[in-house]
Amino acid sequence: ELPWLRRHDWSTRGRHKYSARLDLQPRDDLDVGIQYSYLVDNFHVHFGLRDVDSHEVALDLAYAPSDRVSIAPFLSYSNLMRNERGRQWSPNGVGDPYTTEQIFPSFSNWDAIEHGDSYFLGLTARFVVAPDRLALEIGYTYAMNRSDMDLESPIGTSAANDANFREPLDLNDAENSERHSLGVRWDYTPSKRFTLSFG
């Protein structure tokens, strides 16, 4: 483990976070919400997670055509950039931060810059079967994540001063995943003070 490495959640950092939301009600039975969020974290560390930069845009609707039916679809997109720094080394060898290279700059250092995109699409529908007694809620979410990773490292003059003496290869499709989630829940309210949910 690098002697200068600290967990990012224990490190001091500079954070800038901004968000804006617009809520509209074009009809009595329809609510529309649009939100944008921006987050930047700069961790005061030499190694480990150093920077995070993210943007997110979300759209949500709430449609209630009757007292017994409500439908709430949503859609969101987020873009994430993460920068991490590490070092390749072996005990008492090239790049060893305890013996041979007790300094921050080193040809054996590397940077990993991740660029990711995430998409979420979902719908929640609630149906009142018996007023004040029984309701059914159905929720579905589709999530897709894509990310690439750019790897960078200074190149030394030979393996004698560079533990990773080669041009690093970028990782395309470092993450490429899709997920479908479906949930069903019944809410039974035998009295005003008690509700039983199962699903």
Protein backbone atom coordinates (compact mmCIF):
# COMPACT_ATOMS: atom_id res chain seq x y z
CA GLU A 1 0.00 0.00 0.00
CA LEU A 2 1.27 3.45 -0.86
CA PRO A 3 2.28 5.43 2.25
CA TRP A 4 0.48 8.53 0.92
CA LEU A 5 -2.75 6.70 0.11
CA ARG A 6 -5.83 7.78 2.06
CA ARG A 7 -9.41 6.67 1.72
CA HIS A 8 -11.29 9.32 -0.22
CA ASP A 9 -14.07 9.48 2.39
CA TRP A 10 -11.44 10.36 5.03
CA SER A 11 -9.64 12.95 2.92
CA THR A 12 -10.23 16.67 2.85
CA ARG A 13 -11.78 17.86 -0.38
CA GLY A 14 -13.24 20.80 -2.19
CA ARG A 15 -16.84 20.26 -3.26
CA HIS A 16 -19.06 22.28 -5.56
CA LYS A 17 -22.65 21.13 -5.92
CA TYR A 18 -25.38 22.88 -7.88
CA SER A 19 -28.91 21.85 -8.74
CA ALA A 20 -31.98 23.41 -10.28
CA ARG A 21 -35.53 22.10 -10.56
CA LEU A 22 -38.60 23.26 -12.43
CA ASP A 23 -42.06 21.99 -11.48
CA LEU A 24 -45.03 22.51 -13.77
CA GLN A 25 -48.71 21.61 -13.58
CA PRO A 26 -50.11 21.94 -17.11
CA ARG A 27 -53.36 20.21 -16.01
CA ASP A 28 -55.06 19.40 -12.75
CA ASP A 29 -54.25 15.71 -13.19
CA LEU A 30 -50.65 16.12 -14.42
CA ASP A 31 -47.43 17.29 -12.73
CA VAL A 32 -44.13 17.63 -14.56
CA GLY A 33 -40.69 17.98 -12.97
CA ILE A 34 -37.36 18.72 -14.65
CA GLN A 35 -34.11 18.70 -12.68
CA TYR A 36 -30.42 19.29 -13.40
CA SER A 37 -27.58 18.55 -10.97
CA TYR A 38 -23.85 19.20 -11.18
CA LEU A 39 -21.25 17.91 -8.73
CA VAL A 40 -17.48 18.39 -8.57
CA ASP A 41 -15.24 16.83 -5.92
CA ASN A 42 -11.52 17.60 -5.72
CA PHE A 43 -9.81 15.40 -3.13
CA HIS A 44 -6.64 16.78 -1.58
CA VAL A 45 -4.60 13.62 -2.09
CA HIS A 46 -1.64 12.55 -4.22
CA PHE A 47 -2.89 9.01 -4.88
CA GLY A 48 -6.23 7.23 -4.98
CA LEU A 49 -9.42 8.94 -6.06
CA ARG A 50 -8.54 12.54 -6.91
CA ASP A 51 -11.41 14.08 -8.90
CA VAL A 52 -15.09 13.42 -9.58
CA ASP A 53 -17.17 15.40 -12.05
CA SER A 54 -20.80 14.52 -12.74
CA HIS A 55 -23.84 15.90 -14.53
CA GLU A 56 -27.39 14.58 -14.22
CA VAL A 57 -30.64 15.48 -15.97
CA ALA A 58 -33.97 14.01 -14.87
CA LEU A 59 -37.58 14.22 -15.99
CA ASP A 60 -40.50 12.91 -13.93
CA LEU A 61 -44.25 12.96 -14.44
CA ALA A 62 -47.17 12.31 -12.12
CA TYR A 63 -50.49 11.57 -13.83
CA ALA A 64 -53.66 10.87 -11.85
CA PRO A 65 -56.61 10.42 -14.22
CA SER A 66 -58.87 9.39 -11.31
CA ASP A 67 -58.89 8.95 -7.55
CA ARG A 68 -58.10 5.27 -8.03
CA VAL A 69 -55.29 5.41 -10.58
CA SER A 70 -51.96 7.23 -10.56
CA ILE A 71 -49.04 6.77 -12.95
CA ALA A 72 -45.53 8.19 -12.46
CA PRO A 73 -42.98 7.65 -15.25
CA PHE A 74 -39.42 8.98 -14.96
CA LEU A 75 -36.30 9.29 -17.09
CA SER A 76 -32.76 10.31 -16.15
CA TYR A 77 -29.30 10.54 -17.69
CA SER A 78 -26.01 11.06 -15.88
CA ASN A 79 -22.44 11.55 -17.05
CA LEU A 80 -19.56 10.80 -14.70
CA MET A 81 -15.81 11.40 -14.84
CA ARG A 82 -13.48 9.93 -12.18
CA ASN A 83 -9.72 10.38 -11.95
CA GLU A 84 -7.58 8.00 -9.90
CA ARG A 85 -3.81 7.78 -9.50
CA GLY A 86 -1.72 4.82 -8.43
CA ARG A 87 1.80 3.40 -8.74
CA GLN A 88 3.19 0.09 -9.87
CA TRP A 89 6.11 -1.06 -7.71
CA SER A 90 7.74 -4.01 -6.01
CA PRO A 91 9.48 -4.12 -2.60
CA ASN A 92 12.97 -2.60 -2.79
CA GLY A 93 12.57 -2.34 -6.56
CA VAL A 94 11.74 0.38 -9.04
CA GLY A 95 9.07 2.74 -7.75
CA ASP A 96 9.15 1.50 -4.14
CA PRO A 97 7.76 4.48 -2.16
CA TYR A 98 9.42 3.25 1.05
CA THR A 99 13.00 2.85 -0.25
CA THR A 100 13.99 3.73 -3.81
CA GLU A 101 11.45 6.46 -4.67
CA GLN A 102 10.17 8.24 -1.59
CA ILE A 103 8.76 11.10 -3.66
CA PHE A 104 5.43 11.75 -5.38
CA PRO A 105 6.60 12.11 -9.02
CA SER A 106 7.62 8.80 -10.58
CA PHE A 107 7.70 7.13 -13.98
CA SER A 108 5.95 4.22 -12.25
CA ASN A 109 2.83 6.31 -11.52
CA TRP A 110 -0.31 5.83 -13.58
CA ASP A 111 -3.61 7.67 -13.97
CA ALA A 112 -6.97 6.05 -14.70
CA ILE A 113 -9.65 8.39 -16.05
CA GLU A 114 -13.11 6.84 -16.24
CA HIS A 115 -15.88 8.28 -18.40
CA GLY A 116 -19.31 6.81 -17.76
CA ASP A 117 -22.88 7.28 -18.94
CA SER A 118 -25.93 5.98 -17.10
CA TYR A 119 -29.54 5.89 -18.26
CA PHE A 120 -32.59 5.15 -16.12
CA LEU A 121 -36.15 4.70 -17.34
CA GLY A 122 -39.00 3.68 -15.11
CA LEU A 123 -42.66 3.71 -14.27
CA THR A 124 -44.65 3.37 -11.08
CA ALA A 125 -48.39 2.75 -11.25
CA ARG A 126 -50.75 2.61 -8.28
CA PHE A 127 -54.28 1.24 -8.41
CA VAL A 128 -56.77 1.59 -5.56
CA VAL A 129 -58.79 -1.64 -5.57
CA ALA A 130 -60.87 -0.77 -2.50
CA PRO A 131 -60.79 2.84 -1.22
CA ASP A 132 -59.01 3.16 2.15
CA ARG A 133 -58.53 -0.61 2.22
CA LEU A 134 -56.58 -2.20 -0.61
CA ALA A 135 -54.16 -0.84 -3.23
CA LEU A 136 -51.80 -2.38 -5.76
CA GLU A 137 -48.50 -0.75 -6.77
CA ILE A 138 -46.39 -1.91 -9.71
CA GLY A 139 -42.94 -0.50 -10.47
CA TYR A 140 -40.53 -1.12 -13.32
CA THR A 141 -37.01 0.27 -13.86
CA TYR A 142 -34.57 -0.16 -16.72
CA ALA A 143 -30.94 0.85 -16.12
CA MET A 144 -28.09 0.95 -18.61
CA ASN A 145 -24.46 1.78 -17.74
CA ARG A 146 -21.60 2.36 -20.17
CA SER A 147 -18.06 3.40 -19.28
CA ASP A 148 -14.59 3.62 -20.82
CA MET A 149 -11.28 4.07 -19.03
CA ASP A 150 -8.31 6.04 -20.32
CA LEU A 151 -4.98 4.98 -18.81
CA GLU A 152 -1.99 7.32 -18.77
CA SER A 153 1.54 6.92 -17.43
CA PRO A 154 4.81 8.80 -17.96
CA ILE A 155 7.34 6.68 -19.84
CA GLY A 156 10.81 6.34 -18.38
CA THR A 157 14.06 5.74 -20.25
CA SER A 158 14.15 2.01 -19.40
CA ALA A 159 12.76 -0.61 -17.03
CA ALA A 160 15.47 0.48 -14.61
CA ASN A 161 13.52 3.63 -13.72
CA ASP A 162 9.98 2.71 -14.77
CA ALA A 163 8.15 -0.27 -13.26
CA ASN A 164 5.53 -0.09 -16.04
CA PHE A 165 7.85 0.67 -18.94
CA ARG A 166 5.22 0.54 -21.70
CA GLU A 167 2.40 2.61 -23.12
CA PRO A 168 -0.79 1.67 -21.23
CA LEU A 169 -3.78 0.47 -23.22
CA ASP A 170 -7.16 2.12 -22.72
CA LEU A 171 -10.08 -0.02 -21.59
CA ASN A 172 -13.06 0.34 -23.89
CA ASP A 173 -16.35 -0.91 -22.45
CA ALA A 174 -14.86 -1.16 -18.97
CA GLU A 175 -18.49 -1.47 -17.91
CA ASN A 176 -21.33 -2.41 -20.20
CA SER A 177 -24.39 -3.50 -18.27
CA GLU A 178 -28.17 -3.46 -18.41
CA ARG A 179 -30.61 -4.22 -15.62
CA HIS A 180 -34.37 -4.69 -15.49
CA SER A 181 -36.23 -4.46 -12.18
CA LEU A 182 -39.88 -5.23 -11.56
CA GLY A 183 -41.66 -4.84 -8.25
CA VAL A 184 -45.24 -5.58 -7.16
CA ARG A 185 -46.65 -4.56 -3.79
CA TRP A 186 -50.05 -4.84 -2.15
CA ASP A 187 -51.05 -2.41 0.62
CA TYR A 188 -53.86 -3.55 2.91
CA THR A 189 -55.20 -1.11 5.51
CA PRO A 190 -57.66 -2.78 7.88
CA SER A 191 -57.71 0.33 10.10
CA LYS A 192 -56.43 3.90 10.08
CA ARG A 193 -53.58 2.94 12.42
CA PHE A 194 -52.40 -0.18 10.69
CA THR A 195 -51.22 -1.03 7.15
CA LEU A 196 -49.89 -4.36 5.93
CA SER A 197 -47.67 -4.36 2.84
CA PHE A 198 -46.49 -7.43 0.99
CA GLY A 199 -45.00 -8.09 -2.43
